[in-house]
Amino acid sequence: MWWLIVAATKDRTGLYQSNGLWFSGWHLWDNLEQVFTYQDGIFLRWTANSFLYAGSARSAAR
């Protein structure tokens, strides 16, 4: 879990060339912007689909 948090704050160069378990710059906001604007926000659609499928599976199990 720690590695995921630290890796999310690095740029691509820092991810591969710095200590993997410690911060080497703060690029979290840039990374989040890239994720949410990738292919016109497809990540948000994927996330919504995941919630929809999980919610419908839970309802069907009751």
PDB file of N, CA and C in Angstrom:
ATOM      1  N   MET A   1       0.831  -1.185   0.000  1.00  0.00           N
ATOM      2  CA  MET A   1       0.000   0.000   0.000  1.00  0.00           C
ATOM      3  C   MET A   1       0.880   1.254   0.000  1.00  0.00           C
ATOM      4  N   TRP A   2       1.959   1.215   0.772  1.00  0.00           N
ATOM      5  CA  TRP A   2       2.859   2.367   0.824  1.00  0.00           C
ATOM      6  C   TRP A   2       3.433   2.658  -0.549  1.00  0.00           C
ATOM      7  N   TRP A   3       3.858   1.607  -1.261  1.00  0.00           N
ATOM      8  CA  TRP A   3       4.444   1.793  -2.584  1.00  0.00           C
ATOM      9  C   TRP A   3       3.444   2.436  -3.527  1.00  0.00           C
ATOM     10  N   LEU A   4       2.175   2.057  -3.471  1.00  0.00           N
ATOM     11  CA  LEU A   4       1.157   2.658  -4.338  1.00  0.00           C
ATOM     12  C   LEU A   4       1.015   4.151  -4.074  1.00  0.00           C
ATOM     13  N   ILE A   5       1.037   4.526  -2.814  1.00  0.00           N
ATOM     14  CA  ILE A   5       0.909   5.951  -2.458  1.00  0.00           C
ATOM     15  C   ILE A   5       2.121   6.729  -2.968  1.00  0.00           C
ATOM     16  N   VAL A   6       3.311   6.206  -2.715  1.00  0.00           N
ATOM     17  CA  VAL A   6       4.539   6.891  -3.142  1.00  0.00           C
ATOM     18  C   VAL A   6       4.622   6.933  -4.664  1.00  0.00           C
ATOM     19  N   ALA A   7       4.334   5.832  -5.341  1.00  0.00           N
ATOM     20  CA  ALA A   7       4.429   5.781  -6.800  1.00  0.00           C
ATOM     21  C   ALA A   7       3.446   6.735  -7.466  1.00  0.00           C
ATOM     22  N   ALA A   8       2.300   6.961  -6.865  1.00  0.00           N
ATOM     23  CA  ALA A   8       1.307   7.871  -7.439  1.00  0.00           C
ATOM     24  C   ALA A   8       1.778   9.318  -7.461  1.00  0.00           C
ATOM     25  N   THR A   9       2.793   9.651  -6.660  1.00  0.00           N
ATOM     26  CA  THR A   9       3.271  11.026  -6.587  1.00  0.00           C
ATOM     27  C   THR A   9       4.455  11.295  -7.508  1.00  0.00           C
ATOM     28  N   LYS A  10       4.922  10.263  -8.227  1.00  0.00           N
ATOM     29  CA  LYS A  10       6.125  10.416  -9.047  1.00  0.00           C
ATOM     30  C   LYS A  10       5.781  10.559 -10.524  1.00  0.00           C
ATOM     31  N   ASP A  11       6.684  11.207 -11.260  1.00  0.00           N
ATOM     32  CA  ASP A  11       6.552  11.205 -12.705  1.00  0.00           C
ATOM     33  C   ASP A  11       7.203   9.926 -13.234  1.00  0.00           C
ATOM     34  N   ARG A  12       7.126   9.710 -14.532  1.00  0.00           N
ATOM     35  CA  ARG A  12       7.626   8.460 -15.110  1.00  0.00           C
ATOM     36  C   ARG A  12       9.118   8.259 -14.857  1.00  0.00           C
ATOM     37  N   THR A  13       9.898   9.317 -14.988  1.00  0.00           N
ATOM     38  CA  THR A  13      11.337   9.208 -14.745  1.00  0.00           C
ATOM     39  C   THR A  13      11.612   8.874 -13.288  1.00  0.00           C
ATOM     40  N   GLY A  14      10.965   9.550 -12.379  1.00  0.00           N
ATOM     41  CA  GLY A  14      11.154   9.301 -10.958  1.00  0.00           C
ATOM     42  C   GLY A  14      10.713   7.911 -10.552  1.00  0.00           C
ATOM     43  N   LEU A  15       9.727   7.385 -11.225  1.00  0.00           N
ATOM     44  CA  LEU A  15       9.242   6.053 -10.907  1.00  0.00           C
ATOM     45  C   LEU A  15      10.299   4.995 -11.163  1.00  0.00           C
ATOM     46  N   TYR A  16      11.062   5.171 -12.226  1.00  0.00           N
ATOM     47  CA  TYR A  16      12.055   4.165 -12.600  1.00  0.00           C
ATOM     48  C   TYR A  16      13.469   4.466 -12.109  1.00  0.00           C
ATOM     49  N   GLN A  17      13.768   5.720 -11.788  1.00  0.00           N
ATOM     50  CA  GLN A  17      15.152   6.064 -11.468  1.00  0.00           C
ATOM     51  C   GLN A  17      15.390   6.507 -10.030  1.00  0.00           C
ATOM     52  N   SER A  18      14.379   6.473  -9.195  1.00  0.00           N
ATOM     53  CA  SER A  18      14.571   6.897  -7.808  1.00  0.00           C
ATOM     54  C   SER A  18      14.267   5.732  -6.866  1.00  0.00           C
ATOM     55  N   ASN A  19      14.476   5.971  -5.595  1.00  0.00           N
ATOM     56  CA  ASN A  19      14.160   4.983  -4.583  1.00  0.00           C
ATOM     57  C   ASN A  19      12.671   4.673  -4.661  1.00  0.00           C
ATOM     58  N   GLY A  20      12.320   3.421  -4.827  1.00  0.00           N
ATOM     59  CA  GLY A  20      10.927   3.037  -5.007  1.00  0.00           C
ATOM     60  C   GLY A  20      10.047   3.227  -3.800  1.00  0.00           C
ATOM     61  N   LEU A  21      10.646   3.338  -2.626  1.00  0.00           N
ATOM     62  CA  LEU A  21       9.851   3.427  -1.409  1.00  0.00           C
ATOM     63  C   LEU A  21       9.878   4.806  -0.758  1.00  0.00           C
ATOM     64  N   TRP A  22      10.371   5.816  -1.495  1.00  0.00           N
ATOM     65  CA  TRP A  22      10.365   7.160  -0.930  1.00  0.00           C
ATOM     66  C   TRP A  22      10.073   8.189  -2.011  1.00  0.00           C
ATOM     67  N   PHE A  23       9.587   9.341  -1.601  1.00  0.00           N
ATOM     68  CA  PHE A  23       9.181  10.404  -2.514  1.00  0.00           C
ATOM     69  C   PHE A  23      10.385  11.018  -3.222  1.00  0.00           C
ATOM     70  N   SER A  24      10.201  11.395  -4.488  1.00  0.00           N
ATOM     71  CA  SER A  24      11.282  12.045  -5.233  1.00  0.00           C
ATOM     72  C   SER A  24      10.761  13.218  -6.046  1.00  0.00           C
ATOM     73  N   GLY A  25       9.684  13.767  -5.663  1.00  0.00           N
ATOM     74  CA  GLY A  25       9.035  14.858  -6.379  1.00  0.00           C
ATOM     75  C   GLY A  25       7.544  14.739  -6.113  1.00  0.00           C
ATOM     76  N   TRP A  26       6.809  15.751  -6.451  1.00  0.00           N
ATOM     77  CA  TRP A  26       5.375  15.723  -6.189  1.00  0.00           C
ATOM     78  C   TRP A  26       4.625  15.989  -7.482  1.00  0.00           C
ATOM     79  N   HIS A  27       4.202  14.917  -8.127  1.00  0.00           N
ATOM     80  CA  HIS A  27       3.501  15.006  -9.409  1.00  0.00           C
ATOM     81  C   HIS A  27       2.107  14.395  -9.326  1.00  0.00           C
ATOM     82  N   LEU A  28       1.575  14.296  -8.124  1.00  0.00           N
ATOM     83  CA  LEU A  28       0.278  13.655  -7.931  1.00  0.00           C
ATOM     84  C   LEU A  28      -0.817  14.337  -8.737  1.00  0.00           C
ATOM     85  N   TRP A  29      -0.869  15.658  -8.694  1.00  0.00           N
ATOM     86  CA  TRP A  29      -1.956  16.370  -9.394  1.00  0.00           C
ATOM     87  C   TRP A  29      -1.832  16.201 -10.897  1.00  0.00           C
ATOM     88  N   ASP A  30      -0.616  16.206 -11.418  1.00  0.00           N
ATOM     89  CA  ASP A  30      -0.417  15.970 -12.853  1.00  0.00           C
ATOM     90  C   ASP A  30      -0.855  14.560 -13.233  1.00  0.00           C
ATOM     91  N   ASN A  31      -0.524  13.592 -12.399  1.00  0.00           N
ATOM     92  CA  ASN A  31      -0.906  12.205 -12.667  1.00  0.00           C
ATOM     93  C   ASN A  31      -2.423  12.029 -12.628  1.00  0.00           C
ATOM     94  N   LEU A  32      -3.079  12.642 -11.651  1.00  0.00           N
ATOM     95  CA  LEU A  32      -4.535  12.558 -11.574  1.00  0.00           C
ATOM     96  C   LEU A  32      -5.191  13.217 -12.784  1.00  0.00           C
ATOM     97  N   GLU A  33      -4.647  14.340 -13.214  1.00  0.00           N
ATOM     98  CA  GLU A  33      -5.180  15.010 -14.399  1.00  0.00           C
ATOM     99  C   GLU A  33      -5.067  14.113 -15.626  1.00  0.00           C
ATOM    100  N   GLN A  34      -3.931  13.442 -15.767  1.00  0.00           N
ATOM    101  CA  GLN A  34      -3.751  12.528 -16.897  1.00  0.00           C
ATOM    102  C   GLN A  34      -4.747  11.380 -16.849  1.00  0.00           C
ATOM    103  N   VAL A  35      -4.974  10.830 -15.676  1.00  0.00           N
ATOM    104  CA  VAL A  35      -5.910   9.706 -15.549  1.00  0.00           C
ATOM    105  C   VAL A  35      -7.327  10.139 -15.904  1.00  0.00           C
ATOM    106  N   PHE A  36      -7.756  11.279 -15.398  1.00  0.00           N
ATOM    107  CA  PHE A  36      -9.141  11.692 -15.594  1.00  0.00           C
ATOM    108  C   PHE A  36      -9.411  12.322 -16.959  1.00  0.00           C
ATOM    109  N   THR A  37      -8.380  12.711 -17.691  1.00  0.00           N
ATOM    110  CA  THR A  37      -8.587  13.267 -19.027  1.00  0.00           C
ATOM    111  C   THR A  37      -8.195  12.303 -20.134  1.00  0.00           C
ATOM    112  N   TYR A  38      -7.686  11.145 -19.800  1.00  0.00           N
ATOM    113  CA  TYR A  38      -7.278  10.141 -20.787  1.00  0.00           C
ATOM    114  C   TYR A  38      -8.494   9.698 -21.593  1.00  0.00           C
ATOM    115  N   GLN A  39      -8.424   9.801 -22.886  1.00  0.00           N
ATOM    116  CA  GLN A  39      -9.495   9.423 -23.814  1.00  0.00           C
ATOM    117  C   GLN A  39     -10.847   9.994 -23.368  1.00  0.00           C
ATOM    118  N   ASP A  40     -10.878  11.274 -23.132  1.00  0.00           N
ATOM    119  CA  ASP A  40     -12.092  11.999 -22.750  1.00  0.00           C
ATOM    120  C   ASP A  40     -12.759  11.464 -21.487  1.00  0.00           C
ATOM    121  N   GLY A  41     -11.955  11.033 -20.527  1.00  0.00           N
ATOM    122  CA  GLY A  41     -12.489  10.616 -19.235  1.00  0.00           C
ATOM    123  C   GLY A  41     -12.972   9.181 -19.173  1.00  0.00           C
ATOM    124  N   ILE A  42     -12.400   8.306 -19.950  1.00  0.00           N
ATOM    125  CA  ILE A  42     -12.840   6.907 -19.976  1.00  0.00           C
ATOM    126  C   ILE A  42     -12.671   6.233 -18.618  1.00  0.00           C
ATOM    127  N   PHE A  43     -11.690   6.661 -17.828  1.00  0.00           N
ATOM    128  CA  PHE A  43     -11.483   6.062 -16.507  1.00  0.00           C
ATOM    129  C   PHE A  43     -12.712   6.253 -15.627  1.00  0.00           C
ATOM    130  N   LEU A  44     -13.347   7.407 -15.706  1.00  0.00           N
ATOM    131  CA  LEU A  44     -14.556   7.646 -14.910  1.00  0.00           C
ATOM    132  C   LEU A  44     -15.682   6.710 -15.347  1.00  0.00           C
ATOM    133  N   ARG A  45     -15.783   6.438 -16.636  1.00  0.00           N
ATOM    134  CA  ARG A  45     -16.793   5.495 -17.122  1.00  0.00           C
ATOM    135  C   ARG A  45     -16.490   4.089 -16.603  1.00  0.00           C
ATOM    136  N   TRP A  46     -15.223   3.708 -16.643  1.00  0.00           N
ATOM    137  CA  TRP A  46     -14.839   2.388 -16.133  1.00  0.00           C
ATOM    138  C   TRP A  46     -15.172   2.270 -14.651  1.00  0.00           C
ATOM    139  N   THR A  47     -14.909   3.333 -13.902  1.00  0.00           N
ATOM    140  CA  THR A  47     -15.200   3.324 -12.467  1.00  0.00           C
ATOM    141  C   THR A  47     -16.703   3.219 -12.225  1.00  0.00           C
ATOM    142  N   ALA A  48     -17.479   3.973 -12.973  1.00  0.00           N
ATOM    143  CA  ALA A  48     -18.942   3.912 -12.834  1.00  0.00           C
ATOM    144  C   ALA A  48     -19.456   2.520 -13.188  1.00  0.00           C
ATOM    145  N   ASN A  49     -18.924   1.914 -14.235  1.00  0.00           N
ATOM    146  CA  ASN A  49     -19.324   0.552 -14.599  1.00  0.00           C
ATOM    147  C   ASN A  49     -19.000  -0.436 -13.489  1.00  0.00           C
ATOM    148  N   SER A  50     -17.846  -0.281 -12.863  1.00  0.00           N
ATOM    149  CA  SER A  50     -17.468  -1.174 -11.770  1.00  0.00           C
ATOM    150  C   SER A  50     -18.454  -1.065 -10.613  1.00  0.00           C
ATOM    151  N   PHE A  51     -18.844   0.156 -10.261  1.00  0.00           N
ATOM    152  CA  PHE A  51     -19.823   0.337  -9.195  1.00  0.00           C
ATOM    153  C   PHE A  51     -21.182  -0.236  -9.595  1.00  0.00           C
ATOM    154  N   LEU A  52     -21.561  -0.057 -10.844  1.00  0.00           N
ATOM    155  CA  LEU A  52     -22.830  -0.589 -11.328  1.00  0.00           C
ATOM    156  C   LEU A  52     -22.847  -2.112 -11.255  1.00  0.00           C
ATOM    157  N   TYR A  53     -21.799  -2.754 -11.743  1.00  0.00           N
ATOM    158  CA  TYR A  53     -21.731  -4.219 -11.719  1.00  0.00           C
ATOM    159  C   TYR A  53     -21.674  -4.748 -10.289  1.00  0.00           C
ATOM    160  N   ALA A  54     -20.892  -4.114  -9.443  1.00  0.00           N
ATOM    161  CA  ALA A  54     -20.807  -4.563  -8.056  1.00  0.00           C
ATOM    162  C   ALA A  54     -22.128  -4.377  -7.346  1.00  0.00           C
ATOM    163  N   GLY A  55     -22.802  -3.270  -7.601  1.00  0.00           N
ATOM    164  CA  GLY A  55     -24.099  -3.019  -6.967  1.00  0.00           C
ATOM    165  C   GLY A  55     -25.178  -3.970  -7.460  1.00  0.00           C
ATOM    166  N   SER A  56     -25.173  -4.266  -8.746  1.00  0.00           N
ATOM    167  CA  SER A  56     -26.189  -5.186  -9.272  1.00  0.00           C
ATOM    168  C   SER A  56     -25.912  -6.620  -8.821  1.00  0.00           C
ATOM    169  N   ALA A  57     -24.654  -7.004  -8.706  1.00  0.00           N
ATOM    170  CA  ALA A  57     -24.324  -8.351  -8.210  1.00  0.00           C
ATOM    171  C   ALA A  57     -24.726  -8.490  -6.751  1.00  0.00           C
ATOM    172  N   ARG A  58     -24.550  -7.430  -5.993  1.00  0.00           N
ATOM    173  CA  ARG A  58     -24.930  -7.472  -4.576  1.00  0.00           C
ATOM    174  C   ARG A  58     -26.446  -7.580  -4.451  1.00  0.00           C
ATOM    175  N   SER A  59     -27.169  -6.846  -5.298  1.00  0.00           N
ATOM    176  CA  SER A  59     -28.628  -6.898  -5.254  1.00  0.00           C
ATOM    177  C   SER A  59     -29.137  -8.273  -5.663  1.00  0.00           C
ATOM    178  N   ALA A  60     -28.504  -8.888  -6.637  1.00  0.00           N
ATOM    179  CA  ALA A  60     -28.919 -10.214  -7.104  1.00  0.00           C
ATOM    180  C   ALA A  60     -28.633 -11.287  -6.055  1.00  0.00           C
ATOM    181  N   ALA A  61     -27.627 -11.070  -5.219  1.00  0.00           N
ATOM    182  CA  ALA A  61     -27.275 -12.068  -4.212  1.00  0.00           C
ATOM    183  C   ALA A  61     -28.242 -12.070  -3.035  1.00  0.00           C
ATOM    184  N   ARG A  62     -29.023 -11.048  -2.889  1.00  0.00           N
ATOM    185  CA  ARG A  62     -29.952 -10.969  -1.744  1.00  0.00           C
ATOM    186  C   ARG A  62     -31.142 -11.795  -1.972  1.00  0.00           C
TER     187      ARG A  62
END
